[in-house]
Amino acid sequence: MQIFNVEGLKVEPVPRCYQASQALARRLLGEQSNGVVYPSVRHEGGTCLACFRPALVYRPRQGARYEIRLAASPEGYKTTVRVVPS
């Protein structure tokens, strides 16, 4: 299974423009990639996977639900995360 790892690339947690990430996704899809592995912005040290081929995801389960609010300012982004009760 071919999965692209963004480790080593300069990645903004909340990009001002999605042009670069969309170009990367188009390139990877053209190369028959199955997805992308990238660092979590919610959990420091965590890893996320975006799968381009849903048929490869077996037995999905719903975990916690999160509400993420981003507020832009000249100094950067203020992020507020809370768990949404079930």
Protein backbone atom coordinates (compact mmCIF):
# COMPACT_ATOMS: atom_id res chain seq x y z
CA MET A 1 0.00 0.00 0.00
CA GLN A 2 1.48 3.35 -1.04
CA ILE A 3 0.98 6.14 1.54
CA PHE A 4 2.74 9.51 1.35
CA ASN A 5 4.31 10.84 4.58
CA VAL A 6 4.52 14.65 4.82
CA GLU A 7 7.30 14.42 7.45
CA GLY A 8 10.03 16.82 6.48
CA LEU A 9 7.72 19.17 4.57
CA LYS A 10 6.96 22.61 5.98
CA VAL A 11 3.26 22.41 6.82
CA GLU A 12 1.08 25.15 8.29
CA PRO A 13 -1.55 23.82 10.75
CA VAL A 14 -4.11 26.15 9.16
CA PRO A 15 -2.85 27.25 5.76
CA ARG A 16 -3.75 30.71 4.49
CA CYS A 17 -4.20 29.09 1.08
CA TYR A 18 -4.91 25.45 0.25
CA GLN A 19 -3.36 25.66 -3.22
CA ALA A 20 -0.18 23.77 -2.28
CA SER A 21 -2.01 20.96 -0.45
CA GLN A 22 -4.52 20.58 -3.30
CA ALA A 23 -1.66 20.37 -5.82
CA LEU A 24 0.03 17.71 -3.65
CA ALA A 25 -3.23 15.71 -3.47
CA ARG A 26 -3.68 15.89 -7.27
CA ARG A 27 -0.11 14.71 -7.79
CA LEU A 28 -0.45 11.85 -5.31
CA LEU A 29 -3.78 10.73 -6.80
CA GLY A 30 -2.15 10.79 -10.25
CA GLU A 31 0.61 8.55 -8.84
CA GLN A 32 -2.03 6.10 -7.51
CA SER A 33 -1.22 6.94 -3.87
CA ASN A 34 -3.61 5.56 -1.27
CA GLY A 35 -3.35 8.49 1.12
CA VAL A 36 -1.31 10.87 3.24
CA VAL A 37 0.15 10.56 6.75
CA TYR A 38 0.54 13.87 8.56
CA PRO A 39 1.11 15.22 12.09
CA SER A 40 -1.94 15.86 14.27
CA VAL A 41 -2.71 19.45 15.22
CA ARG A 42 -5.02 18.25 18.04
CA HIS A 43 -2.62 15.88 19.80
CA GLU A 44 1.05 16.83 19.98
CA GLY A 45 3.11 13.91 18.76
CA GLY A 46 0.02 12.29 17.21
CA THR A 47 -0.31 11.10 13.63
CA CYS A 48 -3.25 11.31 11.22
CA LEU A 49 -4.06 9.44 8.02
CA ALA A 50 -6.13 10.74 5.12
CA CYS A 51 -7.17 7.78 2.98
CA PHE A 52 -7.89 8.52 -0.70
CA ARG A 53 -9.50 5.11 -1.22
CA PRO A 54 -12.44 4.55 1.20
CA ALA A 55 -12.59 0.84 0.38
CA LEU A 56 -9.25 0.45 2.20
CA VAL A 57 -10.76 1.59 5.52
CA TYR A 58 -12.04 -1.44 7.44
CA ARG A 59 -14.42 -1.35 10.39
CA PRO A 60 -14.55 2.40 11.03
CA ARG A 61 -15.68 3.43 14.52
CA GLN A 62 -16.85 6.77 15.77
CA GLY A 63 -14.72 8.20 18.53
CA ALA A 64 -15.06 11.46 20.38
CA ARG A 65 -16.48 14.48 18.59
CA TYR A 66 -14.55 17.73 18.72
CA GLU A 67 -15.42 21.36 18.07
CA ILE A 68 -12.43 23.32 16.82
CA ARG A 69 -12.58 27.09 16.58
CA LEU A 70 -9.86 29.13 14.93
CA ALA A 71 -9.54 32.88 15.27
CA ALA A 72 -7.06 34.67 13.01
CA SER A 73 -5.04 37.57 14.35
CA PRO A 74 -1.89 39.41 13.23
CA GLU A 75 0.12 37.21 15.66
CA GLY A 76 -1.22 33.96 14.19
CA TYR A 77 -4.12 31.68 15.03
CA LYS A 78 -5.83 31.16 18.37
CA THR A 79 -7.21 27.64 18.56
CA THR A 80 -9.94 26.50 20.94
CA VAL A 81 -10.78 22.80 21.10
CA ARG A 82 -13.55 21.19 23.12
CA VAL A 83 -15.06 17.72 23.26
CA VAL A 84 -18.72 17.76 22.20
CA PRO A 85 -20.90 15.66 24.53
CA SER A 86 -22.57 12.67 22.86
